[in-house]
Amino acid sequence: MKLLRRARIVATLGPASSTSESIRALIKAGVDVFRLNFSHGTHEDHAKRLAIIREAEHEAGRPIGVLMDLQGPKLRVGRFTGGRTVLEAGQSFRLDLDPAQGNASRTNLPHPEIFAALEKGVDLLLDDGKLRLHVDNYGPDFAQTTILVGGPLSDHKGVNVPGVVLPISPLTAKDLIDLDFGLSLGVDWVALSFVQRPEDIAQARAIIGKRAWIMAKLEKPAAIEHLDSIIDLVDGVMVARGDLGVEMPPQQVPVLQQRIVRAARAAGRPVVVATQMLESMINSPVPTRAEASDVATAVYSGADAVMLSAESASGQYPVQAVAMMESIIGEVESDPAWRIGLDASHGPTPASTPDAVCCALRRVAELLEPAATVAYTATGFSALRASRERPTTPILALTPDLATARRLTMAWGVHAVPFNAQLDNVSDMITHATLIAVQKEMAGDQDKVVVIAGLPFGCSGSTNLLHIATINTAP
């Protein structure tokens, strides 16, 4: 059943789930990709977790992806006398570069880049949006505001500046150190926080190169304004609904989620829906009905993956949360309306040879109902093109590169299998494809298998072959 599941499951590791036993149990429950959150934990913690993942991956007999999530810039106020204060609505409040401890009328904001980007009339959000300040006047080292929504405010609470593009790189000094360490461990994906512009991706790409695939966390309104340009430059995107919901009205987040999923699907980029999906399972063995519907909505929309954060990292029921997510996905994907919705939301196919072949693959799968579709892929390109089409049958991605197989664990409907066989011609390729399909119990005697590949072999992006084979297991 897990092999036939199309939507993928991403689980965050943390104090509640980092033992060898826990990680193995999570894989058995259905995890496809583990997230290492570099906002927490030491390098030693993450190295131990990744080592356990690789051992468990070998035992499970299937590739397991690893996503490192960089912290990104954290904008925070300074400290207060007594550790906290209370802001009253309607009162004036000043933010400045003075390092002195704050009070009910002012506080330190040690981020001159915020003052440099401010405009009159914008709002500042404090403590995950619980408090709102309206900027009346500002300069290079201060902002004079009126408190619109007050409340308690304590040391080092976060600051958000919605609607303003801040002159800040998404890669801090800490991120650069973490990134170098993560790449040395061999992570498969790198998630970038605080992405605002396409230029932010270019900076990361120059450092990462081909050592990992890049995922942009879409959590800033500025990023939504450049959505298509950002998607064009990355390998995947994440709908980071937590921070997105702070800087934008909550009622807009579901609409943006659907927009991002559609845009990513159209471009053939894996898209992950994240944050608070089964939040109540941090302390409860079962989710609310609304949370179950939230996961189901993401699956119905064709998202590649759904993600657990605190539920699996620090919650009391990490394995149960993964099992619940697996169960919800299974229920949705057994609903005929799910397939109808996927077909109805399928966008136009780009006019290229690889995309035309994958479009034909989708149509052949509908007409002939083969047991499986097989995509030979060295870099993952062919498998992602096939996944973009959302065919009715599972996609068996055969690749000579283990790193590619691990990266493809994020892609909808793709079940990657690394191999080291020497394939010299089309006949060898077809024989090999049918053999693997039978070994993986995806097909049997007299079943049809649709195979796509690129000729000449090993040439990235050259998908130009579609072959329909009938399996014959008779001696």
Protein backbone atom coordinates (compact mmCIF):
# COMPACT_ATOMS: atom_id res chain seq x y z
CA MET A 1 0.00 0.00 0.00
CA LYS A 2 2.80 2.43 0.82
CA LEU A 3 4.42 1.70 -2.53
CA LEU A 4 1.26 2.68 -4.38
CA ARG A 5 0.69 5.91 -2.43
CA ARG A 6 1.17 9.01 -4.63
CA ALA A 7 1.43 11.88 -2.13
CA ARG A 8 4.60 11.85 -0.05
CA ILE A 9 5.09 12.36 3.68
CA VAL A 10 7.77 14.64 5.17
CA ALA A 11 8.46 14.37 8.91
CA THR A 12 10.63 16.65 11.04
CA LEU A 13 13.06 15.01 13.44
CA GLY A 14 13.58 16.39 16.94
CA PRO A 15 13.85 15.38 20.58
CA ALA A 16 10.79 13.12 20.36
CA SER A 17 11.91 11.18 17.31
CA SER A 18 15.68 10.97 16.96
CA THR A 19 16.50 7.55 18.36
CA SER A 20 17.28 4.66 16.06
CA GLU A 21 14.04 2.95 17.09
CA SER A 22 11.95 6.07 16.47
CA ILE A 23 13.38 6.75 13.02
CA ARG A 24 12.88 3.15 11.95
CA ALA A 25 9.30 3.24 13.24
CA LEU A 26 8.62 6.46 11.33
CA ILE A 27 9.92 4.93 8.10
CA LYS A 28 7.75 1.86 8.66
CA ALA A 29 4.75 4.15 9.27
CA GLY A 30 5.29 5.82 5.89
CA VAL A 31 7.85 8.64 6.01
CA ASP A 32 9.45 9.36 2.63
CA VAL A 33 11.57 12.39 3.57
CA PHE A 34 13.02 13.50 6.90
CA ARG A 35 13.42 17.21 7.66
CA LEU A 36 16.40 18.36 9.71
CA ASN A 37 15.48 21.74 11.17
CA PHE A 38 18.70 23.74 11.57
CA SER A 39 16.88 26.36 13.65
CA HIS A 40 17.29 23.85 16.49
CA GLY A 41 19.87 21.30 17.51
CA THR A 42 23.62 21.08 17.08
CA HIS A 43 25.64 19.85 14.13
CA GLU A 44 26.38 16.73 16.14
CA ASP A 45 22.64 16.14 16.63
CA HIS A 46 21.93 16.39 12.91
CA ALA A 47 24.90 14.22 11.94
CA LYS A 48 23.71 11.45 14.27
CA ARG A 49 20.18 11.64 12.89
CA LEU A 50 21.35 11.46 9.30
CA ALA A 51 23.59 8.48 10.05
CA ILE A 52 20.64 6.63 11.57
CA ILE A 53 18.47 7.54 8.56
CA ARG A 54 21.02 6.04 6.16
CA GLU A 55 21.24 2.83 8.18
CA ALA A 56 17.45 2.55 8.36
CA GLU A 57 17.17 3.36 4.65
CA HIS A 58 19.35 0.36 3.81
CA GLU A 59 17.23 -1.90 6.00
CA ALA A 60 13.97 -0.58 4.52
CA GLY A 61 15.17 -1.27 0.98
CA ARG A 62 13.92 2.04 -0.40
CA PRO A 63 15.47 5.51 -0.77
CA ILE A 64 14.74 8.01 2.00
CA GLY A 65 15.21 11.72 1.34
CA VAL A 66 16.75 14.23 3.74
CA LEU A 67 15.75 17.89 3.70
CA MET A 68 17.89 20.39 5.61
CA ASP A 69 15.87 23.48 6.55
CA LEU A 70 18.00 26.59 7.06
CA GLN A 71 16.98 29.02 9.78
CA GLY A 72 17.30 32.21 7.72
CA PRO A 73 17.28 35.74 9.18
CA LYS A 74 15.48 36.15 12.49
CA LEU A 75 14.32 39.72 13.14
CA ARG A 76 13.73 40.34 16.83
CA VAL A 77 13.29 43.18 19.30
CA GLY A 78 15.79 43.65 22.12
CA ARG A 79 15.37 43.15 25.85
CA PHE A 80 12.99 44.85 28.30
CA THR A 81 13.44 46.01 31.86
CA GLY A 82 12.09 43.11 33.90
CA GLY A 83 12.01 40.90 30.80
CA ARG A 84 8.63 42.11 29.55
CA THR A 85 6.19 45.00 29.15
CA VAL A 86 2.63 45.61 28.06
CA LEU A 87 1.75 47.73 25.03
CA GLU A 88 -1.55 49.60 25.19
CA ALA A 89 -3.61 50.14 22.02
CA GLY A 90 -3.69 53.76 20.92
CA GLN A 91 -0.41 54.67 22.60
CA SER A 92 2.82 55.68 20.83
CA PHE A 93 5.73 53.27 20.69
CA ARG A 94 9.24 53.86 19.39
CA LEU A 95 11.67 51.34 17.95
CA ASP A 96 15.32 52.39 17.59
CA LEU A 97 18.93 51.24 17.54
CA ASP A 98 19.60 52.30 21.14
CA PRO A 99 20.72 49.08 22.93
CA ALA A 100 19.21 50.21 26.24
CA GLN A 101 16.53 47.96 27.69
CA GLY A 102 13.01 48.78 26.57
CA ASN A 103 9.80 49.75 28.35
CA ALA A 104 6.19 50.52 27.49
CA SER A 105 7.17 53.48 25.28
CA ARG A 106 10.24 52.23 23.36
CA THR A 107 12.49 49.27 22.65
CA ASN A 108 15.62 48.35 20.77
CA LEU A 109 15.26 46.97 17.24
CA PRO A 110 18.83 46.01 16.21
CA HIS A 111 18.08 45.81 12.50
CA PRO A 112 18.95 49.00 10.57
CA GLU A 113 17.91 47.22 7.38
CA ILE A 114 14.30 47.39 8.59
CA PHE A 115 14.46 51.16 9.10
CA ALA A 116 16.09 51.53 5.67
CA ALA A 117 13.15 49.76 3.98
CA LEU A 118 10.25 51.33 5.94
CA GLU A 119 7.54 53.50 4.46
CA LYS A 120 4.90 55.62 6.16
CA GLY A 121 1.67 53.78 6.65
CA VAL A 122 3.07 50.25 6.81
CA ASP A 123 2.41 48.02 9.79
CA LEU A 124 4.89 46.12 11.92
CA LEU A 125 3.89 42.83 13.50
CA LEU A 126 5.39 41.60 16.76
CA ASP A 127 5.35 38.17 18.42
CA ASP A 128 3.96 36.18 15.46
CA GLY A 129 1.41 38.87 14.66
CA LYS A 130 -0.14 39.12 18.10
CA LEU A 131 0.73 42.83 18.28
CA ARG A 132 0.42 45.36 15.45
CA LEU A 133 2.13 48.75 15.16
CA HIS A 134 1.40 51.43 12.54
CA VAL A 135 4.43 53.42 11.31
CA ASP A 136 3.78 57.17 11.59
CA ASN A 137 7.32 58.42 11.06
CA TYR A 138 10.74 56.87 10.57
CA GLY A 139 14.40 57.56 9.93
CA PRO A 140 17.59 55.59 9.38
CA ASP A 141 17.73 54.66 13.05
CA PHE A 142 14.16 54.78 14.38
CA ALA A 143 10.47 54.25 13.73
CA GLN A 144 7.72 56.10 15.60
CA THR A 145 4.54 54.04 15.66
CA THR A 146 1.01 53.91 17.00
CA ILE A 147 -0.05 50.69 18.71
CA LEU A 148 -3.05 49.27 16.85
CA VAL A 149 -3.23 45.96 18.70
CA GLY A 150 -1.57 45.80 22.08
CA GLY A 151 -0.69 43.11 24.57
CA PRO A 152 2.26 41.69 26.50
CA LEU A 153 5.68 41.79 24.81
CA SER A 154 8.77 40.07 26.18
CA ASP A 155 12.46 39.85 25.30
CA HIS A 156 13.59 38.94 21.79
CA LYS A 157 10.13 38.43 20.26
CA GLY A 158 10.01 38.30 16.47
CA VAL A 159 9.28 41.19 14.11
CA ASN A 160 7.54 40.89 10.74
CA VAL A 161 7.30 43.65 8.15
CA PRO A 162 4.55 42.61 5.71
CA GLY A 163 4.42 44.30 2.34
CA VAL A 164 8.03 45.51 2.48
CA VAL A 165 10.99 43.95 0.68
CA LEU A 166 13.88 44.00 3.13
CA PRO A 167 17.46 44.34 1.85
CA ILE A 168 18.49 41.11 3.58
CA SER A 169 20.04 37.96 2.16
CA PRO A 170 18.18 34.76 3.07
CA LEU A 171 21.56 33.25 3.99
CA THR A 172 22.96 34.50 7.30
CA ALA A 173 26.47 33.76 8.60
CA LYS A 174 24.96 30.91 10.61
CA ASP A 175 23.20 29.56 7.52
CA LEU A 176 26.41 29.53 5.51
CA ILE A 177 28.14 27.47 8.20
CA ASP A 178 25.14 25.14 8.49
CA LEU A 179 24.90 24.82 4.72
CA ASP A 180 28.53 23.82 4.36
CA PHE A 181 28.06 21.23 7.09
CA GLY A 182 24.81 19.85 5.66
CA LEU A 183 26.23 19.52 2.17
CA SER A 184 29.25 17.70 3.58
CA LEU A 185 26.84 15.19 5.17
CA GLY A 186 25.14 14.62 1.85
CA VAL A 187 21.65 16.08 2.37
CA ASP A 188 19.36 15.76 -0.63
CA TRP A 189 17.36 18.99 -0.39
CA VAL A 190 18.08 22.44 1.05
CA ALA A 191 15.10 24.56 2.14
CA LEU A 192 15.69 28.32 2.02
CA SER A 193 13.86 30.52 4.51
CA PHE A 194 13.06 34.22 4.05
CA VAL A 195 12.98 34.07 0.25
CA GLN A 196 11.75 37.41 -1.14
CA ARG A 197 13.14 37.68 -4.68
CA PRO A 198 14.49 35.50 -7.50
CA GLU A 199 17.94 36.90 -6.71
CA ASP A 200 17.82 35.11 -3.36
CA ILE A 201 17.73 31.77 -5.17
CA ALA A 202 20.62 32.68 -7.44
CA GLN A 203 22.85 33.33 -4.43
CA ALA A 204 22.05 29.93 -2.93
CA ARG A 205 22.45 28.15 -6.26
CA ALA A 206 25.93 29.59 -6.69
CA ILE A 207 26.94 27.97 -3.40
CA ILE A 208 25.03 24.69 -3.59
CA GLY A 209 25.52 23.94 -7.28
CA LYS A 210 24.43 20.38 -8.06
CA ARG A 211 25.21 18.98 -4.62
CA ALA A 212 21.56 19.17 -3.55
CA TRP A 213 18.19 20.32 -4.83
CA ILE A 214 16.86 23.67 -3.60
CA MET A 215 13.41 24.23 -2.09
CA ALA A 216 12.09 27.78 -1.61
CA LYS A 217 9.96 28.27 1.48
CA LEU A 218 7.19 30.65 0.43
CA GLU A 219 6.50 32.58 3.60
CA LYS A 220 6.87 36.23 2.55
CA PRO A 221 4.28 38.27 0.60
CA ALA A 222 7.11 39.62 -1.57
CA ALA A 223 7.83 36.07 -2.73
CA ILE A 224 4.24 35.61 -3.85
CA GLU A 225 4.60 38.67 -6.07
CA HIS A 226 7.52 36.89 -7.81
CA LEU A 227 5.99 33.42 -7.60
CA ASP A 228 6.53 32.23 -11.17
CA SER A 229 10.07 33.62 -11.38
CA ILE A 230 11.05 31.93 -8.12
CA ILE A 231 9.51 28.61 -9.13
CA ASP A 232 11.47 28.71 -12.39
CA LEU A 233 14.75 28.90 -10.44
CA VAL A 234 14.20 26.24 -7.78
CA ASP A 235 13.73 22.48 -7.71
CA GLY A 236 10.75 22.59 -5.35
CA VAL A 237 8.66 24.90 -3.16
CA MET A 238 7.11 24.75 0.29
CA VAL A 239 3.89 26.46 1.31
CA ALA A 240 5.16 27.66 4.71
CA ARG A 241 1.78 28.57 6.12
CA GLY A 242 3.00 29.57 9.58
CA ASP A 243 4.98 32.67 8.66
CA LEU A 244 2.79 33.30 5.62
CA GLY A 245 -0.21 33.41 7.94
CA VAL A 246 1.51 35.97 10.17
CA GLU A 247 2.23 38.45 7.39
CA MET A 248 -1.04 37.97 5.50
CA PRO A 249 -4.64 37.73 6.71
CA PRO A 250 -5.49 34.11 7.63
CA GLN A 251 -8.38 34.02 5.17
CA GLN A 252 -5.96 34.57 2.30
CA VAL A 253 -3.68 31.64 3.15
CA PRO A 254 -5.94 28.87 1.74
CA VAL A 255 -6.28 30.80 -1.52
CA LEU A 256 -2.52 31.31 -1.74
CA GLN A 257 -1.95 27.64 -0.96
CA GLN A 258 -4.04 26.61 -3.93
CA ARG A 259 -2.34 29.19 -6.16
CA ILE A 260 1.13 27.98 -5.19
CA VAL A 261 0.20 24.32 -5.68
CA ARG A 262 -1.22 25.05 -9.14
CA ALA A 263 1.85 27.07 -10.17
CA ALA A 264 4.28 24.43 -8.94
CA ARG A 265 2.35 21.62 -10.63
CA ALA A 266 2.29 23.54 -13.90
CA ALA A 267 6.05 23.98 -13.74
CA GLY A 268 6.72 20.38 -12.73
CA ARG A 269 8.27 21.30 -9.37
CA PRO A 270 7.49 19.27 -6.23
CA VAL A 271 5.37 21.30 -3.82
CA VAL A 272 5.08 20.64 -0.07
CA VAL A 273 2.21 21.88 2.09
CA ALA A 274 3.47 22.49 5.63
CA THR A 275 2.71 23.83 9.12
CA GLN A 276 0.05 22.83 11.65
CA MET A 277 -1.36 20.03 9.51
CA LEU A 278 -2.03 17.74 12.50
CA GLU A 279 -1.17 20.25 15.23
CA SER A 280 -3.40 18.74 17.92
CA MET A 281 -1.50 15.45 17.62
CA ILE A 282 1.39 17.08 19.47
CA ASN A 283 -0.60 16.21 22.60
CA SER A 284 -3.36 13.93 21.34
CA PRO A 285 -3.28 10.50 19.66
CA VAL A 286 -5.94 11.61 17.19
CA PRO A 287 -6.33 14.83 15.15
CA THR A 288 -9.31 17.11 14.92
CA ARG A 289 -11.68 16.57 12.02
CA ALA A 290 -10.64 19.95 10.64
CA GLU A 291 -6.99 18.87 10.59
CA ALA A 292 -7.84 15.65 8.78
CA SER A 293 -9.72 17.73 6.23
CA ASP A 294 -6.73 20.07 5.91
CA VAL A 295 -4.42 17.19 4.96
CA ALA A 296 -7.05 15.81 2.61
CA THR A 297 -7.46 19.19 0.90
CA ALA A 298 -3.74 19.30 0.10
CA VAL A 299 -3.90 15.79 -1.34
CA TYR A 300 -7.01 16.54 -3.39
CA SER A 301 -5.26 19.58 -4.87
CA GLY A 302 -2.40 17.40 -6.12
CA ALA A 303 0.34 18.57 -3.74
CA ASP A 304 3.43 16.38 -3.93
CA ALA A 305 3.93 16.14 -0.18
CA VAL A 306 2.46 17.04 3.18
CA MET A 307 4.69 17.79 6.15
CA LEU A 308 4.73 17.28 9.89
CA SER A 309 6.68 19.74 12.05
CA ALA A 310 6.28 19.78 15.83
CA GLU A 311 3.91 16.79 15.56
CA SER A 312 6.86 14.49 14.80
CA ALA A 313 9.73 16.56 16.23
CA SER A 314 8.55 17.23 19.77
CA GLY A 315 5.06 15.77 20.04
CA GLN A 316 3.95 12.85 22.17
CA TYR A 317 2.70 10.79 19.21
CA PRO A 318 5.13 11.11 16.27
CA VAL A 319 4.57 7.63 14.81
CA GLN A 320 0.81 7.91 15.19
CA ALA A 321 0.89 11.28 13.41
CA VAL A 322 2.69 9.76 10.41
CA ALA A 323 0.34 6.78 10.40
CA MET A 324 -2.65 9.12 10.48
CA MET A 325 -1.27 11.13 7.57
CA GLU A 326 -0.70 7.89 5.66
CA SER A 327 -4.26 6.83 6.38
CA ILE A 328 -5.76 10.14 5.27
CA ILE A 329 -3.79 10.05 2.02
CA GLY A 330 -4.98 6.49 1.40
CA GLU A 331 -8.61 7.46 1.90
CA VAL A 332 -8.35 10.41 -0.47
CA GLU A 333 -6.52 8.51 -3.19
CA SER A 334 -9.15 5.76 -3.11
CA ASP A 335 -11.89 8.32 -3.78
CA PRO A 336 -12.88 8.51 -7.48
CA ALA A 337 -13.41 12.26 -7.05
CA TRP A 338 -9.68 12.63 -6.31
CA ARG A 339 -8.76 11.40 -9.79
CA ILE A 340 -11.46 13.51 -11.40
CA GLY A 341 -10.14 16.59 -9.62
CA LEU A 342 -6.55 15.92 -10.67
CA ASP A 343 -7.57 15.58 -14.30
CA ALA A 344 -9.72 18.71 -14.16
CA SER A 345 -6.86 20.77 -12.69
CA HIS A 346 -4.26 19.50 -15.15
CA GLY A 347 -2.71 22.41 -17.01
CA PRO A 348 -1.44 22.63 -20.58
CA THR A 349 1.69 20.68 -21.44
CA PRO A 350 4.77 22.65 -22.50
CA ALA A 351 5.77 22.27 -26.15
CA SER A 352 8.97 20.23 -25.82
CA THR A 353 9.89 16.69 -26.82
CA PRO A 354 10.30 15.39 -23.23
CA ASP A 355 6.99 16.94 -22.16
CA ALA A 356 5.23 15.58 -25.25
CA VAL A 357 6.49 12.07 -24.45
CA CYS A 358 5.30 12.37 -20.84
CA CYS A 359 1.95 13.74 -21.99
CA ALA A 360 1.62 10.68 -24.24
CA LEU A 361 2.57 8.53 -21.25
CA ARG A 362 -0.36 9.92 -19.31
CA ARG A 363 -2.77 9.25 -22.17
CA VAL A 364 -1.48 5.72 -22.72
CA ALA A 365 -1.88 4.99 -19.02
CA GLU A 366 -5.51 6.12 -19.18
CA LEU A 367 -6.31 3.96 -22.22
CA LEU A 368 -4.34 0.78 -21.53
CA GLU A 369 -4.33 0.80 -17.72
CA PRO A 370 -0.81 -0.66 -17.44
CA ALA A 371 0.44 -2.03 -14.14
CA ALA A 372 3.14 0.64 -13.98
CA THR A 373 5.00 3.31 -15.87
CA VAL A 374 8.80 3.22 -15.85
CA ALA A 375 10.97 6.30 -16.30
CA TYR A 376 14.70 5.92 -16.82
CA THR A 377 16.37 9.00 -15.40
CA ALA A 378 19.93 10.00 -14.56
CA THR A 379 19.25 13.46 -13.13
CA GLY A 380 15.56 13.08 -12.19
CA PHE A 381 14.35 15.17 -15.14
CA SER A 382 12.33 12.43 -16.85
CA ALA A 383 10.73 11.28 -13.60
CA LEU A 384 9.70 14.83 -12.68
CA ARG A 385 8.22 15.39 -16.14
CA ALA A 386 6.25 12.17 -15.75
CA SER A 387 5.15 13.15 -12.24
CA ARG A 388 3.97 16.53 -13.54
CA GLU A 389 1.43 14.72 -15.72
CA ARG A 390 -0.09 12.92 -12.70
CA PRO A 391 -0.62 9.60 -14.56
CA THR A 392 -3.12 7.04 -13.27
CA THR A 393 -0.41 4.45 -12.64
CA PRO A 394 2.61 4.56 -10.28
CA ILE A 395 5.89 5.84 -11.71
CA LEU A 396 8.87 3.55 -11.22
CA ALA A 397 11.93 5.78 -11.62
CA LEU A 398 15.05 3.78 -12.45
CA THR A 399 18.26 5.72 -11.97
CA PRO A 400 21.97 4.88 -11.83
CA ASP A 401 22.44 7.67 -9.26
CA LEU A 402 21.50 7.03 -5.62
CA ALA A 403 21.46 10.79 -4.92
CA THR A 404 18.83 11.25 -7.66
CA ALA A 405 16.74 8.44 -6.19
CA ARG A 406 16.78 10.10 -2.79
CA ARG A 407 15.83 13.50 -4.20
CA LEU A 408 12.89 11.98 -6.08
CA THR A 409 11.32 10.82 -2.81
CA MET A 410 9.72 14.28 -2.71
CA ALA A 411 7.92 13.85 -6.06
CA TRP A 412 4.28 12.81 -6.44
CA GLY A 413 3.76 9.19 -7.48
CA VAL A 414 7.46 8.47 -8.01
CA HIS A 415 9.01 5.32 -6.54
CA ALA A 416 12.72 5.55 -7.24
CA VAL A 417 15.00 2.53 -7.53
CA PRO A 418 18.77 2.94 -7.99
CA PHE A 419 20.53 0.37 -10.19
CA ASN A 420 24.03 -0.35 -11.44
CA ALA A 421 23.29 -2.63 -14.43
CA GLN A 422 24.96 -1.97 -17.76
CA LEU A 423 22.29 -1.17 -20.37
CA ASP A 424 23.70 -1.05 -23.89
CA ASN A 425 20.55 -0.92 -26.02
CA VAL A 426 16.77 -0.53 -25.96
CA SER A 427 16.20 -4.27 -25.64
CA ASP A 428 18.35 -4.41 -22.49
CA MET A 429 16.51 -1.42 -21.10
CA ILE A 430 13.05 -2.95 -21.62
CA THR A 431 14.09 -6.29 -20.16
CA HIS A 432 15.58 -4.54 -17.14
CA ALA A 433 12.48 -2.35 -16.63
CA THR A 434 10.07 -5.27 -16.67
CA LEU A 435 12.31 -7.28 -14.35
CA ILE A 436 12.40 -4.48 -11.74
CA ALA A 437 8.63 -3.94 -12.04
CA VAL A 438 8.08 -7.62 -11.22
CA GLN A 439 10.66 -7.64 -8.41
CA LYS A 440 8.99 -4.62 -6.79
CA GLU A 441 5.61 -6.37 -7.09
CA MET A 442 4.22 -3.57 -9.21
CA ALA A 443 3.49 -5.87 -12.18
CA GLY A 444 3.06 -9.54 -12.99
CA ASP A 445 2.83 -11.94 -15.90
CA GLN A 446 1.04 -10.52 -18.97
CA ASP A 447 0.76 -7.06 -17.42
CA LYS A 448 1.64 -4.07 -19.57
CA VAL A 449 4.37 -1.64 -18.58
CA VAL A 450 4.97 1.72 -20.26
CA VAL A 451 8.63 2.75 -20.43
CA ILE A 452 10.04 6.20 -21.19
CA ALA A 453 13.69 7.06 -21.61
CA GLY A 454 16.11 9.28 -23.46
CA LEU A 455 18.36 8.27 -26.30
CA PRO A 456 21.29 8.37 -26.25
CA PHE A 457 21.41 6.97 -22.70
CA GLY A 458 22.82 9.22 -19.98
CA CYS A 459 22.00 12.49 -21.73
CA SER A 460 20.03 14.69 -19.32
CA GLY A 461 16.71 16.09 -20.56
CA SER A 462 16.66 13.95 -23.70
CA THR A 463 13.45 11.99 -23.04
CA ASN A 464 12.34 10.93 -26.53
CA LEU A 465 11.31 7.27 -26.28
CA LEU A 466 8.04 5.67 -25.21
CA HIS A 467 7.72 1.89 -25.35
CA ILE A 468 4.84 -0.38 -24.31
CA ALA A 469 5.99 -3.80 -23.09
CA THR A 470 4.03 -6.89 -22.06
CA ILE A 471 5.60 -8.91 -19.27
CA ASN A 472 6.14 -12.59 -19.96
CA THR A 473 7.48 -14.49 -16.97
CA ALA A 474 7.22 -17.90 -18.61
CA PRO A 475 10.58 -19.69 -18.98
